[in-house]
Amino acid sequence: MQKASPMPGKVDTGKQLKPELTEEDIQKQIKETLARLGPAGKSKASKYRRLKREAVSQQMQQDQEKIEEGKKVIQVTEFVTANEWQR
């Protein structure tokens, strides 16, 4: 039920005093808030950044392996048989 206000047309909401919070109540509210925020985990953006970093790292490793394999191959400008090359 609404109180009659000294000014017509306006509702007096009345100021209710909040009960004092104890240290225990404060800690309980903090735990509840953290529990709601905690399980959300990492954002999708951070997941995609991590996946992209891993993909780039893997690609660089594959490129490095190809370069290492390329060092084992001898490149010549004209055809040389193995016997001619031994001399």
N, C-alpha and C. Protein backbone atom coordinates (compact mmCIF):
# COMPACT_ATOMS: atom_id res chain seq x y z
N MET A 1 0.83 -1.17 0.00
CA MET A 1 0.00 0.00 0.00
C MET A 1 0.88 1.24 0.00
N GLN A 2 0.48 2.24 -0.75
CA GLN A 2 1.29 3.44 -0.89
C GLN A 2 0.90 4.47 0.16
N LYS A 3 1.92 5.20 0.59
CA LYS A 3 1.68 6.25 1.58
C LYS A 3 1.19 7.50 0.86
N ALA A 4 0.44 8.27 1.55
CA ALA A 4 0.02 9.55 0.99
C ALA A 4 1.19 10.51 1.05
N SER A 5 1.41 11.19 -0.02
CA SER A 5 2.55 12.08 -0.12
C SER A 5 2.08 13.52 0.14
N PRO A 6 2.96 14.36 0.65
CA PRO A 6 2.58 15.75 0.86
C PRO A 6 2.30 16.46 -0.47
N MET A 7 2.86 15.96 -1.55
CA MET A 7 2.63 16.57 -2.86
C MET A 7 1.67 15.66 -3.63
N PRO A 8 0.53 16.20 -4.08
CA PRO A 8 -0.43 15.39 -4.81
C PRO A 8 0.17 14.89 -6.13
N GLY A 9 -0.17 13.66 -6.51
CA GLY A 9 0.32 13.09 -7.77
C GLY A 9 1.67 12.39 -7.65
N LYS A 10 2.31 12.50 -6.53
CA LYS A 10 3.61 11.86 -6.36
C LYS A 10 3.49 10.78 -5.29
N VAL A 11 4.21 9.72 -5.49
CA VAL A 11 4.16 8.61 -4.55
C VAL A 11 5.36 8.71 -3.62
N ASP A 12 5.12 8.58 -2.35
CA ASP A 12 6.20 8.61 -1.37
C ASP A 12 6.75 7.19 -1.24
N THR A 13 7.93 6.99 -1.72
CA THR A 13 8.52 5.65 -1.67
C THR A 13 9.05 5.36 -0.27
N GLY A 14 9.34 6.37 0.46
CA GLY A 14 9.84 6.17 1.81
C GLY A 14 11.26 5.63 1.77
N LYS A 15 12.07 6.10 2.63
CA LYS A 15 13.45 5.64 2.67
C LYS A 15 13.56 4.57 3.73
N GLN A 16 13.84 3.39 3.28
CA GLN A 16 13.99 2.29 4.22
C GLN A 16 15.46 2.13 4.53
N LEU A 17 15.75 1.94 5.77
CA LEU A 17 17.13 1.72 6.16
C LEU A 17 17.51 0.28 5.87
N LYS A 18 18.65 0.14 5.23
CA LYS A 18 19.14 -1.21 4.94
C LYS A 18 19.79 -1.75 6.20
N PRO A 19 19.59 -3.03 6.46
CA PRO A 19 20.24 -3.60 7.64
C PRO A 19 21.75 -3.61 7.44
N GLU A 20 22.45 -3.45 8.55
CA GLU A 20 23.92 -3.44 8.46
C GLU A 20 24.41 -4.82 8.04
N LEU A 21 25.41 -4.80 7.15
CA LEU A 21 25.98 -6.05 6.67
C LEU A 21 27.13 -6.45 7.58
N THR A 22 27.16 -7.69 7.91
CA THR A 22 28.26 -8.20 8.72
C THR A 22 29.37 -8.67 7.79
N GLU A 23 30.52 -8.90 8.34
CA GLU A 23 31.65 -9.38 7.55
C GLU A 23 31.31 -10.72 6.89
N GLU A 24 30.57 -11.54 7.60
CA GLU A 24 30.17 -12.85 7.07
C GLU A 24 29.27 -12.69 5.85
N ASP A 25 28.32 -11.75 5.93
CA ASP A 25 27.42 -11.50 4.80
C ASP A 25 28.20 -10.99 3.57
N ILE A 26 29.15 -10.12 3.83
CA ILE A 26 29.96 -9.57 2.74
C ILE A 26 30.75 -10.68 2.06
N GLN A 27 31.39 -11.54 2.85
CA GLN A 27 32.18 -12.64 2.28
C GLN A 27 31.28 -13.59 1.50
N LYS A 28 30.08 -13.83 2.00
CA LYS A 28 29.14 -14.72 1.32
C LYS A 28 28.75 -14.14 -0.04
N GLN A 29 28.48 -12.83 -0.08
CA GLN A 29 28.12 -12.19 -1.34
C GLN A 29 29.28 -12.21 -2.33
N ILE A 30 30.49 -12.01 -1.83
CA ILE A 30 31.67 -12.05 -2.70
C ILE A 30 31.83 -13.44 -3.31
N LYS A 31 31.68 -14.48 -2.50
CA LYS A 31 31.79 -15.86 -2.99
C LYS A 31 30.74 -16.16 -4.04
N GLU A 32 29.51 -15.71 -3.80
CA GLU A 32 28.44 -15.95 -4.77
C GLU A 32 28.72 -15.24 -6.09
N THR A 33 29.21 -14.02 -6.00
CA THR A 33 29.52 -13.27 -7.22
C THR A 33 30.64 -13.94 -7.99
N LEU A 34 31.70 -14.34 -7.30
CA LEU A 34 32.81 -15.01 -7.98
C LEU A 34 32.38 -16.35 -8.56
N ALA A 35 31.47 -17.03 -7.89
CA ALA A 35 30.98 -18.31 -8.41
C ALA A 35 30.22 -18.11 -9.72
N ARG A 36 29.48 -17.01 -9.81
CA ARG A 36 28.76 -16.73 -11.05
C ARG A 36 29.72 -16.34 -12.17
N LEU A 37 30.76 -15.62 -11.83
CA LEU A 37 31.71 -15.15 -12.85
C LEU A 37 32.72 -16.22 -13.23
N GLY A 38 33.10 -17.07 -12.32
CA GLY A 38 34.19 -18.02 -12.51
C GLY A 38 34.01 -19.03 -13.62
N PRO A 39 32.94 -19.81 -13.64
CA PRO A 39 32.84 -20.90 -14.61
C PRO A 39 32.71 -20.46 -16.06
N ALA A 40 32.56 -19.18 -16.31
CA ALA A 40 32.40 -18.70 -17.67
C ALA A 40 33.61 -19.08 -18.52
N GLY A 41 34.78 -19.15 -17.93
CA GLY A 41 35.96 -19.58 -18.65
C GLY A 41 36.53 -18.48 -19.52
N LYS A 42 37.32 -18.91 -20.48
CA LYS A 42 37.98 -17.96 -21.36
C LYS A 42 37.04 -17.55 -22.47
N SER A 43 37.31 -16.40 -23.04
CA SER A 43 36.45 -15.91 -24.11
C SER A 43 36.76 -16.63 -25.41
N LYS A 44 35.85 -16.54 -26.34
CA LYS A 44 36.05 -17.16 -27.64
C LYS A 44 37.20 -16.50 -28.38
N ALA A 45 37.36 -15.20 -28.18
CA ALA A 45 38.43 -14.48 -28.86
C ALA A 45 39.79 -15.03 -28.45
N SER A 46 39.97 -15.28 -27.16
CA SER A 46 41.27 -15.80 -26.71
C SER A 46 41.49 -17.21 -27.24
N LYS A 47 40.41 -17.98 -27.35
CA LYS A 47 40.52 -19.33 -27.91
C LYS A 47 40.98 -19.27 -29.36
N TYR A 48 40.37 -18.38 -30.15
CA TYR A 48 40.74 -18.26 -31.56
C TYR A 48 42.16 -17.73 -31.72
N ARG A 49 42.58 -16.80 -30.86
CA ARG A 49 43.96 -16.31 -30.93
C ARG A 49 44.94 -17.43 -30.67
N ARG A 50 44.63 -18.26 -29.65
CA ARG A 50 45.52 -19.38 -29.31
C ARG A 50 45.59 -20.37 -30.48
N LEU A 51 44.43 -20.70 -31.06
CA LEU A 51 44.41 -21.62 -32.20
C LEU A 51 45.20 -21.06 -33.38
N LYS A 52 45.07 -19.77 -33.61
CA LYS A 52 45.80 -19.14 -34.71
C LYS A 52 47.30 -19.17 -34.45
N ARG A 53 47.71 -18.90 -33.20
CA ARG A 53 49.14 -18.98 -32.87
C ARG A 53 49.68 -20.38 -33.11
N GLU A 54 48.90 -21.39 -32.69
CA GLU A 54 49.35 -22.77 -32.87
C GLU A 54 49.45 -23.12 -34.35
N ALA A 55 48.49 -22.65 -35.16
CA ALA A 55 48.51 -22.93 -36.60
C ALA A 55 49.72 -22.28 -37.26
N VAL A 56 50.01 -21.04 -36.89
CA VAL A 56 51.16 -20.34 -37.47
C VAL A 56 52.45 -21.02 -37.05
N SER A 57 52.53 -21.43 -35.79
CA SER A 57 53.71 -22.11 -35.30
C SER A 57 53.93 -23.43 -36.04
N GLN A 58 52.84 -24.16 -36.25
CA GLN A 58 52.93 -25.43 -36.95
C GLN A 58 53.37 -25.23 -38.40
N GLN A 59 52.84 -24.18 -39.05
CA GLN A 59 53.21 -23.89 -40.43
C GLN A 59 54.68 -23.51 -40.53
N MET A 60 55.16 -22.72 -39.57
CA MET A 60 56.58 -22.34 -39.57
C MET A 60 57.47 -23.56 -39.38
N GLN A 61 57.04 -24.49 -38.54
CA GLN A 61 57.81 -25.71 -38.31
C GLN A 61 57.87 -26.54 -39.58
N GLN A 62 56.74 -26.65 -40.30
CA GLN A 62 56.72 -27.41 -41.55
C GLN A 62 57.62 -26.75 -42.59
N ASP A 63 57.59 -25.41 -42.67
CA ASP A 63 58.45 -24.70 -43.61
C ASP A 63 59.92 -24.95 -43.28
N GLN A 64 60.24 -24.94 -41.99
CA GLN A 64 61.63 -25.18 -41.58
C GLN A 64 62.07 -26.59 -41.96
N GLU A 65 61.18 -27.58 -41.81
CA GLU A 65 61.51 -28.95 -42.18
C GLU A 65 61.74 -29.06 -43.69
N LYS A 66 60.95 -28.35 -44.49
CA LYS A 66 61.14 -28.36 -45.94
C LYS A 66 62.48 -27.75 -46.32
N ILE A 67 62.87 -26.71 -45.63
CA ILE A 67 64.16 -26.07 -45.90
C ILE A 67 65.29 -27.03 -45.57
N GLU A 68 65.16 -27.74 -44.44
CA GLU A 68 66.18 -28.71 -44.04
C GLU A 68 66.29 -29.83 -45.08
N GLU A 69 65.15 -30.30 -45.59
CA GLU A 69 65.18 -31.34 -46.61
C GLU A 69 65.78 -30.81 -47.90
N GLY A 70 65.53 -29.56 -48.21
CA GLY A 70 66.06 -28.94 -49.43
C GLY A 70 67.57 -28.81 -49.39
N LYS A 71 68.17 -28.75 -48.22
CA LYS A 71 69.62 -28.64 -48.11
C LYS A 71 70.30 -29.94 -48.51
N LYS A 72 69.58 -31.05 -48.46
CA LYS A 72 70.15 -32.34 -48.80
C LYS A 72 70.22 -32.56 -50.31
N VAL A 73 69.48 -31.77 -51.06
CA VAL A 73 69.42 -31.94 -52.51
C VAL A 73 70.45 -31.03 -53.16
N ILE A 74 71.25 -31.61 -54.07
CA ILE A 74 72.25 -30.83 -54.79
C ILE A 74 71.60 -30.33 -56.08
N GLN A 75 71.73 -29.04 -56.34
CA GLN A 75 71.18 -28.46 -57.55
C GLN A 75 72.32 -28.13 -58.50
N VAL A 76 72.20 -28.60 -59.73
CA VAL A 76 73.21 -28.32 -60.75
C VAL A 76 72.52 -27.64 -61.93
N THR A 77 73.31 -26.89 -62.70
CA THR A 77 72.72 -26.15 -63.81
C THR A 77 72.63 -27.00 -65.08
N GLU A 78 73.42 -28.06 -65.18
CA GLU A 78 73.33 -28.94 -66.34
C GLU A 78 73.32 -30.38 -65.87
N PHE A 79 72.92 -31.27 -66.76
CA PHE A 79 72.81 -32.67 -66.40
C PHE A 79 74.19 -33.26 -66.19
N VAL A 80 74.39 -33.91 -65.05
CA VAL A 80 75.65 -34.56 -64.72
C VAL A 80 75.31 -35.95 -64.21
N THR A 81 75.99 -36.96 -64.76
CA THR A 81 75.77 -38.31 -64.26
C THR A 81 76.55 -38.49 -62.97
N ALA A 82 76.21 -39.53 -62.23
CA ALA A 82 76.88 -39.79 -60.98
C ALA A 82 78.36 -40.09 -61.22
N ASN A 83 78.68 -40.79 -62.33
CA ASN A 83 80.08 -41.13 -62.61
C ASN A 83 80.88 -39.86 -62.91
N GLU A 84 80.32 -38.94 -63.67
CA GLU A 84 81.03 -37.70 -63.97
C GLU A 84 81.21 -36.84 -62.72
N TRP A 85 80.25 -36.90 -61.86
CA TRP A 85 80.29 -36.09 -60.67
C TRP A 85 81.34 -36.61 -59.67
N GLN A 86 81.62 -37.92 -59.72
CA GLN A 86 82.59 -38.51 -58.81
C GLN A 86 83.99 -38.03 -59.12
N ARG A 87 84.30 -37.71 -60.35
CA ARG A 87 85.66 -37.33 -60.73
C ARG A 87 86.09 -36.07 -60.14
